């Protein structure tokens, strides 16, 4: 399973005695639980117990029992967020650039241009720099983002937005 392989790159910071469950397997089960509509550690632990035999077979593991809610919490407390983000992003980008689009309200707005009170930016993750910016008025972020995207070269790039951009065309 590709995701499990990506999760094997996450550093396991648990002590020697705290490794009853391999980290990459637990992280994979957590994602599968979330994808199965389990939205809390408690519901994920229940989901894992309910599908215990199937999950053992699917992942090629032979666990007599699944981790408890407390066990999941303990395991997650030892995971470095940056490592987890890298592992989750790896299959998505496959080495390609990730461009992030986001809008922000400007502080100390100019009296000269009161209608342009927000800034929409495109940030390149691999280059670690802002590629382009567009000024816009309040409530016009979706339009500004479309204008911004039309000005960028997007071949072989991934683009991410915040939830505002999941709405129907404005």
N, C-alpha and C. Protein backbone atom coordinates (compact mmCIF):
# COMPACT_ATOMS: atom_id res chain seq x y z
N UNK A 1 0.84 -1.17 0.00
CA UNK A 1 0.00 0.00 0.00
C UNK A 1 0.89 1.24 0.00
N UNK A 2 0.73 2.14 -0.96
CA UNK A 2 1.60 3.30 -1.13
C UNK A 2 1.65 4.22 0.06
N UNK A 3 0.48 4.50 0.64
CA UNK A 3 0.44 5.40 1.78
C UNK A 3 1.20 4.82 2.97
N UNK A 4 1.09 3.52 3.16
CA UNK A 4 1.81 2.88 4.26
C UNK A 4 3.32 3.01 4.05
N UNK A 5 3.75 2.90 2.80
CA UNK A 5 5.17 3.06 2.49
C UNK A 5 5.61 4.50 2.77
N UNK A 6 4.78 5.48 2.39
CA UNK A 6 5.11 6.88 2.68
C UNK A 6 5.18 7.12 4.18
N UNK A 7 4.27 6.51 4.94
CA UNK A 7 4.26 6.66 6.38
C UNK A 7 5.47 6.00 7.03
N UNK A 8 6.10 5.06 6.36
CA UNK A 8 7.29 4.43 6.94
C UNK A 8 8.46 5.42 7.01
N UNK A 9 8.33 6.56 6.32
CA UNK A 9 9.35 7.60 6.36
C UNK A 9 9.20 8.53 7.56
N UNK A 10 8.07 8.43 8.28
CA UNK A 10 7.83 9.25 9.46
C UNK A 10 8.66 8.69 10.62
N UNK A 11 9.43 9.54 11.26
CA UNK A 11 10.29 9.11 12.36
C UNK A 11 9.46 8.69 13.56
N UNK A 12 9.74 7.50 14.06
CA UNK A 12 9.05 6.97 15.23
C UNK A 12 9.85 7.37 16.47
N UNK A 13 9.32 8.27 17.28
CA UNK A 13 10.03 8.79 18.44
C UNK A 13 9.67 8.06 19.74
N UNK A 14 8.91 6.99 19.63
CA UNK A 14 8.54 6.24 20.82
C UNK A 14 9.73 5.44 21.33
N UNK A 15 9.74 5.18 22.63
CA UNK A 15 10.80 4.36 23.22
C UNK A 15 10.65 2.92 22.77
N UNK A 16 11.64 2.12 23.03
CA UNK A 16 11.65 0.72 22.61
C UNK A 16 10.46 -0.09 23.11
N UNK A 17 9.99 0.18 24.33
CA UNK A 17 8.88 -0.59 24.89
C UNK A 17 7.54 -0.11 24.36
N UNK A 18 7.48 1.08 23.78
CA UNK A 18 6.20 1.62 23.33
C UNK A 18 5.90 1.34 21.88
N UNK A 19 6.49 0.29 21.33
CA UNK A 19 6.33 0.03 19.89
C UNK A 19 5.59 -1.27 19.61
N UNK A 20 4.52 -1.51 20.32
CA UNK A 20 3.72 -2.71 20.06
C UNK A 20 3.12 -2.68 18.67
N UNK A 21 2.73 -1.49 18.23
CA UNK A 21 2.13 -1.30 16.91
C UNK A 21 3.07 -0.44 16.06
N UNK A 22 3.53 -0.94 14.90
CA UNK A 22 4.39 -0.13 14.04
C UNK A 22 3.70 1.18 13.63
N UNK A 23 4.44 2.27 13.71
CA UNK A 23 3.87 3.59 13.46
C UNK A 23 3.24 3.72 12.08
N UNK A 24 3.91 3.21 11.05
CA UNK A 24 3.38 3.37 9.70
C UNK A 24 2.03 2.65 9.53
N UNK A 25 1.84 1.54 10.24
CA UNK A 25 0.56 0.82 10.20
C UNK A 25 -0.53 1.61 10.92
N UNK A 26 -0.20 2.16 12.09
CA UNK A 26 -1.17 2.94 12.85
C UNK A 26 -1.60 4.17 12.07
N UNK A 27 -0.65 4.88 11.47
CA UNK A 27 -0.99 6.08 10.69
C UNK A 27 -1.88 5.72 9.50
N UNK A 28 -1.59 4.61 8.86
CA UNK A 28 -2.43 4.16 7.74
C UNK A 28 -3.84 3.85 8.22
N UNK A 29 -3.96 3.17 9.35
CA UNK A 29 -5.28 2.85 9.90
C UNK A 29 -6.04 4.12 10.28
N UNK A 30 -5.34 5.12 10.80
CA UNK A 30 -5.99 6.38 11.14
C UNK A 30 -6.57 7.05 9.90
N UNK A 31 -5.82 7.07 8.81
CA UNK A 31 -6.31 7.66 7.56
C UNK A 31 -7.50 6.86 7.03
N UNK A 32 -7.40 5.54 7.05
CA UNK A 32 -8.52 4.71 6.59
C UNK A 32 -9.76 4.94 7.44
N UNK A 33 -9.58 5.10 8.74
CA UNK A 33 -10.70 5.40 9.62
C UNK A 33 -11.34 6.73 9.29
N UNK A 34 -10.51 7.74 9.06
CA UNK A 34 -11.04 9.06 8.69
C UNK A 34 -11.80 8.99 7.37
N UNK A 35 -11.26 8.25 6.41
CA UNK A 35 -11.92 8.10 5.11
C UNK A 35 -13.22 7.30 5.23
N UNK A 36 -13.35 6.54 6.31
CA UNK A 36 -14.57 5.76 6.55
C UNK A 36 -15.57 6.52 7.42
N UNK A 37 -15.34 7.83 7.55
CA UNK A 37 -16.25 8.73 8.25
C UNK A 37 -16.17 8.62 9.77
N UNK A 38 -15.10 8.08 10.30
CA UNK A 38 -14.86 8.11 11.75
C UNK A 38 -14.11 9.42 12.03
N UNK A 39 -14.70 10.29 12.83
CA UNK A 39 -14.16 11.64 12.94
C UNK A 39 -13.46 11.95 14.26
N UNK A 40 -13.34 10.99 15.14
CA UNK A 40 -12.62 11.21 16.41
C UNK A 40 -11.77 9.97 16.69
N UNK A 41 -10.83 10.11 17.61
CA UNK A 41 -10.01 8.95 17.95
C UNK A 41 -10.87 7.83 18.52
N UNK A 42 -11.88 8.19 19.28
CA UNK A 42 -12.78 7.17 19.83
C UNK A 42 -13.50 6.41 18.71
N UNK A 43 -14.04 7.15 17.75
CA UNK A 43 -14.77 6.48 16.66
C UNK A 43 -13.82 5.72 15.74
N UNK A 44 -12.60 6.20 15.58
CA UNK A 44 -11.62 5.45 14.79
C UNK A 44 -11.25 4.15 15.49
N UNK A 45 -11.05 4.20 16.80
CA UNK A 45 -10.72 2.97 17.56
C UNK A 45 -11.87 1.97 17.46
N UNK A 46 -13.11 2.45 17.55
CA UNK A 46 -14.26 1.56 17.39
C UNK A 46 -14.30 0.96 15.98
N UNK A 47 -14.07 1.82 14.99
CA UNK A 47 -14.06 1.36 13.59
C UNK A 47 -12.99 0.29 13.40
N UNK A 48 -11.80 0.51 13.96
CA UNK A 48 -10.70 -0.45 13.83
C UNK A 48 -11.08 -1.78 14.48
N UNK A 49 -11.70 -1.73 15.65
CA UNK A 49 -12.12 -2.97 16.33
C UNK A 49 -13.20 -3.70 15.55
N UNK A 50 -14.13 -2.94 14.99
CA UNK A 50 -15.22 -3.54 14.22
C UNK A 50 -14.70 -4.27 12.97
N UNK A 51 -13.66 -3.71 12.35
CA UNK A 51 -13.11 -4.27 11.11
C UNK A 51 -11.76 -4.95 11.33
N UNK A 52 -11.52 -5.39 12.56
CA UNK A 52 -10.24 -5.96 12.97
C UNK A 52 -9.71 -7.02 11.99
N UNK A 53 -10.50 -8.03 11.69
CA UNK A 53 -10.04 -9.14 10.83
C UNK A 53 -9.75 -8.64 9.41
N UNK A 54 -10.63 -7.82 8.88
CA UNK A 54 -10.44 -7.30 7.51
C UNK A 54 -9.20 -6.42 7.42
N UNK A 55 -8.97 -5.61 8.43
CA UNK A 55 -7.79 -4.72 8.42
C UNK A 55 -6.51 -5.52 8.55
N UNK A 56 -6.51 -6.55 9.38
CA UNK A 56 -5.34 -7.43 9.48
C UNK A 56 -5.01 -8.02 8.11
N UNK A 57 -6.04 -8.50 7.43
CA UNK A 57 -5.85 -9.13 6.11
C UNK A 57 -5.40 -8.08 5.08
N UNK A 58 -6.06 -6.93 5.05
CA UNK A 58 -5.75 -5.89 4.07
C UNK A 58 -4.32 -5.37 4.19
N UNK A 59 -3.89 -5.14 5.43
CA UNK A 59 -2.56 -4.55 5.65
C UNK A 59 -1.47 -5.58 5.86
N UNK A 60 -1.85 -6.86 5.90
CA UNK A 60 -0.85 -7.90 6.09
C UNK A 60 -0.25 -7.89 7.49
N UNK A 61 -1.06 -7.51 8.47
CA UNK A 61 -0.60 -7.49 9.86
C UNK A 61 -1.30 -8.62 10.61
N UNK A 62 -0.81 -8.94 11.78
CA UNK A 62 -1.38 -10.05 12.57
C UNK A 62 -1.53 -9.60 14.02
N UNK A 63 -2.31 -8.55 14.22
CA UNK A 63 -2.50 -8.02 15.56
C UNK A 63 -3.64 -8.75 16.24
N UNK A 64 -3.39 -9.20 17.48
CA UNK A 64 -4.43 -9.88 18.26
C UNK A 64 -5.54 -8.89 18.63
N UNK A 65 -5.17 -7.65 18.83
CA UNK A 65 -6.16 -6.60 19.10
C UNK A 65 -5.65 -5.28 18.54
N UNK A 66 -6.58 -4.38 18.29
CA UNK A 66 -6.25 -3.07 17.73
C UNK A 66 -5.93 -2.09 18.87
N UNK A 67 -5.23 -1.01 18.56
CA UNK A 67 -4.94 0.00 19.59
C UNK A 67 -6.23 0.62 20.12
N UNK A 68 -6.22 0.98 21.38
CA UNK A 68 -7.36 1.65 22.00
C UNK A 68 -7.31 3.15 21.67
N UNK A 69 -8.36 3.85 22.05
CA UNK A 69 -8.37 5.30 21.87
C UNK A 69 -7.17 5.94 22.58
N UNK A 70 -6.93 5.52 23.83
CA UNK A 70 -5.79 6.04 24.59
C UNK A 70 -4.46 5.70 23.93
N UNK A 71 -4.37 4.48 23.40
CA UNK A 71 -3.15 4.09 22.69
C UNK A 71 -2.91 4.93 21.45
N UNK A 72 -3.98 5.19 20.69
CA UNK A 72 -3.85 6.05 19.51
C UNK A 72 -3.40 7.45 19.90
N UNK A 73 -4.00 7.96 20.97
CA UNK A 73 -3.64 9.31 21.46
C UNK A 73 -2.17 9.36 21.85
N UNK A 74 -1.71 8.32 22.56
CA UNK A 74 -0.31 8.26 22.99
C UNK A 74 0.63 8.19 21.78
N UNK A 75 0.29 7.37 20.81
CA UNK A 75 1.12 7.23 19.60
C UNK A 75 1.19 8.56 18.86
N UNK A 76 0.04 9.21 18.66
CA UNK A 76 0.01 10.48 17.93
C UNK A 76 0.76 11.59 18.66
N UNK A 77 0.80 11.53 19.99
CA UNK A 77 1.51 12.57 20.74
C UNK A 77 3.01 12.55 20.48
N UNK A 78 3.51 11.43 19.96
CA UNK A 78 4.94 11.30 19.69
C UNK A 78 5.31 11.60 18.24
N UNK A 79 4.30 11.87 17.40
CA UNK A 79 4.56 12.10 15.98
C UNK A 79 4.89 13.57 15.74
N UNK A 80 5.95 13.81 15.01
CA UNK A 80 6.34 15.16 14.63
C UNK A 80 5.45 15.60 13.46
N UNK A 81 4.75 16.72 13.63
CA UNK A 81 3.78 17.18 12.64
C UNK A 81 4.43 17.39 11.27
N UNK A 82 5.62 17.96 11.24
CA UNK A 82 6.29 18.22 9.95
C UNK A 82 6.57 16.92 9.20
N UNK A 83 6.96 15.85 9.92
CA UNK A 83 7.19 14.55 9.28
C UNK A 83 5.91 14.00 8.69
N UNK A 84 4.82 14.13 9.44
CA UNK A 84 3.53 13.62 8.97
C UNK A 84 3.05 14.39 7.75
N UNK A 85 3.20 15.71 7.78
CA UNK A 85 2.81 16.53 6.62
C UNK A 85 3.59 16.14 5.38
N UNK A 86 4.88 15.93 5.54
CA UNK A 86 5.73 15.54 4.41
C UNK A 86 5.26 14.20 3.82
N UNK A 87 4.96 13.26 4.70
CA UNK A 87 4.51 11.94 4.24
C UNK A 87 3.16 12.02 3.55
N UNK A 88 2.27 12.85 4.06
CA UNK A 88 0.95 13.00 3.44
C UNK A 88 1.03 13.73 2.10
N UNK A 89 1.96 14.65 1.99
CA UNK A 89 2.09 15.44 0.77
C UNK A 89 2.84 14.68 -0.32
N UNK A 90 3.71 13.75 0.03
CA UNK A 90 4.57 13.06 -0.92
C UNK A 90 3.81 12.41 -2.08
N UNK A 91 2.78 11.59 -1.83
CA UNK A 91 2.11 10.96 -2.97
C UNK A 91 1.30 11.95 -3.80
N UNK A 92 0.92 13.04 -3.17
CA UNK A 92 0.10 14.02 -3.86
C UNK A 92 0.92 14.82 -4.87
N UNK A 93 2.10 15.24 -4.46
CA UNK A 93 2.89 16.12 -5.32
C UNK A 93 3.86 15.34 -6.21
N UNK A 94 4.31 14.18 -5.76
CA UNK A 94 5.23 13.36 -6.54
C UNK A 94 6.42 14.18 -7.04
N UNK A 95 6.94 15.04 -6.16
CA UNK A 95 8.08 15.86 -6.52
C UNK A 95 7.73 17.13 -7.27
N UNK A 96 6.46 17.32 -7.59
CA UNK A 96 6.05 18.53 -8.30
C UNK A 96 5.82 19.68 -7.33
N UNK A 97 5.84 20.88 -7.85
CA UNK A 97 5.65 22.07 -7.03
C UNK A 97 4.21 22.17 -6.55
N UNK A 98 4.04 22.61 -5.33
CA UNK A 98 2.72 22.86 -4.75
C UNK A 98 2.56 24.38 -4.62
N UNK A 99 1.54 24.92 -5.27
CA UNK A 99 1.26 26.35 -5.18
C UNK A 99 0.06 26.54 -4.26
N UNK A 100 0.23 27.39 -3.27
CA UNK A 100 -0.84 27.66 -2.32
C UNK A 100 -1.43 29.04 -2.60
N UNK A 101 -2.76 29.10 -2.70
CA UNK A 101 -3.47 30.35 -2.95
C UNK A 101 -4.19 30.74 -1.67
N UNK A 102 -3.99 31.99 -1.22
CA UNK A 102 -4.67 32.44 0.00
C UNK A 102 -4.86 33.94 -0.04
N UNK A 103 -5.94 34.39 0.57
CA UNK A 103 -6.25 35.81 0.66
C UNK A 103 -6.16 36.29 2.09
N UNK A 104 -5.75 37.54 2.26
CA UNK A 104 -5.62 38.14 3.59
C UNK A 104 -6.12 39.57 3.56
N UNK A 105 -6.71 40.01 4.67
CA UNK A 105 -7.09 41.41 4.82
C UNK A 105 -5.84 42.22 5.13
N UNK A 106 -5.74 43.40 4.55
CA UNK A 106 -4.59 44.27 4.78
C UNK A 106 -4.83 45.15 5.99
N UNK A 107 -3.82 45.33 6.79
CA UNK A 107 -3.91 46.24 7.93
C UNK A 107 -3.42 47.61 7.50
N UNK A 108 -3.89 48.63 8.15
CA UNK A 108 -3.45 49.98 7.82
C UNK A 108 -3.76 50.31 6.37
N UNK A 109 -4.97 50.01 5.96
CA UNK A 109 -5.37 50.20 4.56
C UNK A 109 -5.18 51.64 4.09
N UNK A 110 -4.92 51.78 2.86
CA UNK A 110 -4.71 53.09 2.25
C UNK A 110 -6.05 53.82 2.10
N UNK A 111 -6.07 55.08 2.49
CA UNK A 111 -7.27 55.90 2.29
C UNK A 111 -7.46 56.20 0.81
N UNK A 112 -6.38 56.09 0.07
CA UNK A 112 -6.41 56.39 -1.35
C UNK A 112 -7.15 55.32 -2.15
N UNK A 113 -7.04 54.04 -1.70
CA UNK A 113 -7.68 52.92 -2.39
C UNK A 113 -8.50 52.09 -1.39
N UNK A 114 -9.56 52.65 -0.82
CA UNK A 114 -10.30 51.92 0.21
C UNK A 114 -11.00 50.66 -0.30
N UNK A 115 -11.30 50.59 -1.59
CA UNK A 115 -11.98 49.41 -2.14
C UNK A 115 -11.03 48.21 -2.26
N UNK A 116 -9.73 48.45 -2.25
CA UNK A 116 -8.74 47.37 -2.36
C UNK A 116 -8.18 47.08 -0.98
N UNK A 117 -8.94 46.33 -0.20
CA UNK A 117 -8.60 46.13 1.20
C UNK A 117 -8.04 44.73 1.50
N UNK A 118 -7.89 43.89 0.46
CA UNK A 118 -7.43 42.53 0.66
C UNK A 118 -6.37 42.17 -0.39
N UNK A 119 -5.57 41.15 -0.07
CA UNK A 119 -4.50 40.72 -0.96
C UNK A 119 -4.59 39.21 -1.14
N UNK A 120 -4.60 38.75 -2.37
CA UNK A 120 -4.60 37.32 -2.68
C UNK A 120 -3.22 36.97 -3.23
N UNK A 121 -2.58 35.94 -2.66
CA UNK A 121 -1.21 35.59 -3.03
C UNK A 121 -1.11 34.14 -3.49
N UNK A 122 -0.16 33.88 -4.38
CA UNK A 122 0.18 32.53 -4.82
C UNK A 122 1.60 32.26 -4.33
N UNK A 123 1.74 31.24 -3.48
CA UNK A 123 3.03 30.91 -2.88
C UNK A 123 3.53 29.58 -3.41
N UNK A 124 4.79 29.52 -3.85
CA UNK A 124 5.41 28.29 -4.33
C UNK A 124 6.13 27.60 -3.18
N UNK A 125 5.71 26.36 -2.90
CA UNK A 125 6.34 25.60 -1.82
C UNK A 125 7.78 25.23 -2.11
N UNK A 126 8.08 24.83 -3.34
CA UNK A 126 9.44 24.40 -3.65
C UNK A 126 10.41 25.58 -3.75
N UNK A 127 9.92 26.71 -4.26
CA UNK A 127 10.78 27.88 -4.40
C UNK A 127 10.77 28.75 -3.15
N UNK A 128 9.79 28.51 -2.26
CA UNK A 128 9.64 29.27 -1.03
C UNK A 128 9.58 30.77 -1.29
N UNK A 129 8.73 31.15 -2.25
CA UNK A 129 8.54 32.56 -2.54
C UNK A 129 7.14 32.82 -3.10
N UNK A 130 6.73 34.08 -3.01
CA UNK A 130 5.44 34.48 -3.54
C UNK A 130 5.60 34.69 -5.04
N UNK A 131 4.78 33.99 -5.83
CA UNK A 131 4.86 34.07 -7.30
C UNK A 131 4.10 35.27 -7.85
N UNK A 132 2.96 35.57 -7.24
CA UNK A 132 2.13 36.68 -7.73
C UNK A 132 1.15 37.09 -6.64
N UNK A 133 0.67 38.34 -6.74
CA UNK A 133 -0.31 38.87 -5.80
C UNK A 133 -1.31 39.73 -6.55
N UNK A 134 -2.53 39.78 -6.01
CA UNK A 134 -3.59 40.60 -6.60
C UNK A 134 -4.33 41.31 -5.46
N UNK A 135 -4.54 42.61 -5.59
CA UNK A 135 -5.37 43.35 -4.64
C UNK A 135 -6.82 43.20 -5.02
N UNK A 136 -7.71 43.15 -4.03
CA UNK A 136 -9.14 43.02 -4.31
C UNK A 136 -9.95 43.58 -3.16
N UNK A 137 -11.22 43.77 -3.38
CA UNK A 137 -12.12 44.28 -2.36
C UNK A 137 -12.71 43.15 -1.54
N UNK A 138 -13.27 43.50 -0.38
CA UNK A 138 -13.85 42.50 0.51
C UNK A 138 -14.93 41.70 -0.20
N UNK A 139 -14.89 40.35 0.01
CA UNK A 139 -15.88 39.47 -0.58
C UNK A 139 -15.58 39.07 -2.01
N UNK A 140 -14.43 39.43 -2.53
CA UNK A 140 -14.09 39.15 -3.93
C UNK A 140 -12.89 38.21 -4.07
N UNK A 141 -12.61 37.41 -3.02
CA UNK A 141 -11.43 36.54 -3.06
C UNK A 141 -11.49 35.51 -4.17
N UNK A 142 -12.66 34.93 -4.40
CA UNK A 142 -12.78 33.90 -5.45
C UNK A 142 -12.45 34.49 -6.82
N UNK A 143 -12.94 35.69 -7.10
CA UNK A 143 -12.62 36.35 -8.37
C UNK A 143 -11.12 36.65 -8.46
N UNK A 144 -10.55 37.15 -7.36
CA UNK A 144 -9.12 37.47 -7.34
C UNK A 144 -8.28 36.21 -7.56
N UNK A 145 -8.69 35.09 -6.95
CA UNK A 145 -7.94 33.85 -7.11
C UNK A 145 -7.97 33.38 -8.56
N UNK A 146 -9.13 33.50 -9.20
CA UNK A 146 -9.22 33.12 -10.62
C UNK A 146 -8.31 34.00 -11.48
N UNK A 147 -8.30 35.30 -11.20
CA UNK A 147 -7.41 36.22 -11.94
C UNK A 147 -5.95 35.85 -11.71
N UNK A 148 -5.64 35.52 -10.47
CA UNK A 148 -4.27 35.14 -10.11
C UNK A 148 -3.85 33.87 -10.84
N UNK A 149 -4.72 32.86 -10.85
CA UNK A 149 -4.41 31.60 -11.52
C UNK A 149 -4.19 31.78 -13.01
N UNK A 150 -4.97 32.66 -13.62
CA UNK A 150 -4.83 32.87 -15.07
C UNK A 150 -3.49 33.51 -15.42
N UNK A 151 -2.82 34.12 -14.45
CA UNK A 151 -1.54 34.76 -14.72
C UNK A 151 -0.34 33.83 -14.46
N UNK A 152 -0.60 32.61 -13.98
CA UNK A 152 0.49 31.70 -13.62
C UNK A 152 0.64 30.56 -14.61
N UNK A 153 1.86 30.06 -14.73
CA UNK A 153 2.14 28.85 -15.50
C UNK A 153 1.92 27.67 -14.56
N UNK A 154 0.93 26.84 -14.85
CA UNK A 154 0.53 25.79 -13.92
C UNK A 154 0.81 24.37 -14.40
N UNK A 155 1.53 24.22 -15.52
CA UNK A 155 1.85 22.88 -16.00
C UNK A 155 2.64 22.12 -14.95
N UNK A 156 2.21 20.89 -14.67
CA UNK A 156 2.86 19.99 -13.73
C UNK A 156 3.00 20.60 -12.34
N UNK A 157 1.98 21.32 -11.90
CA UNK A 157 1.96 21.91 -10.57
C UNK A 157 0.65 21.53 -9.88
N UNK A 158 0.69 21.41 -8.57
CA UNK A 158 -0.50 21.20 -7.75
C UNK A 158 -0.88 22.54 -7.17
N UNK A 159 -2.17 22.80 -7.05
CA UNK A 159 -2.64 24.07 -6.48
C UNK A 159 -3.57 23.75 -5.32
N UNK A 160 -3.36 24.42 -4.19
CA UNK A 160 -4.25 24.23 -3.04
C UNK A 160 -4.89 25.57 -2.67
N UNK A 161 -6.12 25.48 -2.18
CA UNK A 161 -6.89 26.64 -1.77
C UNK A 161 -7.46 26.37 -0.39
N UNK A 162 -8.00 27.41 0.25
CA UNK A 162 -8.73 27.17 1.48
C UNK A 162 -10.18 26.83 1.14
N UNK A 163 -10.97 26.52 2.14
CA UNK A 163 -12.33 26.01 1.93
C UNK A 163 -13.24 26.99 1.19
N UNK A 164 -12.95 28.26 1.25
CA UNK A 164 -13.77 29.25 0.55
C UNK A 164 -13.93 28.92 -0.93
N UNK A 165 -12.89 28.35 -1.50
CA UNK A 165 -12.88 28.09 -2.94
C UNK A 165 -13.57 26.78 -3.33
N UNK A 166 -14.18 26.11 -2.37
CA UNK A 166 -14.96 24.92 -2.70
C UNK A 166 -16.41 25.26 -3.01
N UNK A 167 -16.77 26.54 -2.85
CA UNK A 167 -18.13 26.97 -3.14
C UNK A 167 -18.35 27.04 -4.64
N UNK A 168 -19.62 27.02 -5.02
CA UNK A 168 -19.95 27.16 -6.44
C UNK A 168 -19.48 28.51 -6.94
N UNK A 169 -19.30 28.63 -8.23
CA UNK A 169 -18.80 29.84 -8.86
C UNK A 169 -19.58 31.07 -8.38
N UNK A 170 -18.83 32.08 -7.98
CA UNK A 170 -19.45 33.30 -7.47
C UNK A 170 -19.52 34.37 -8.54
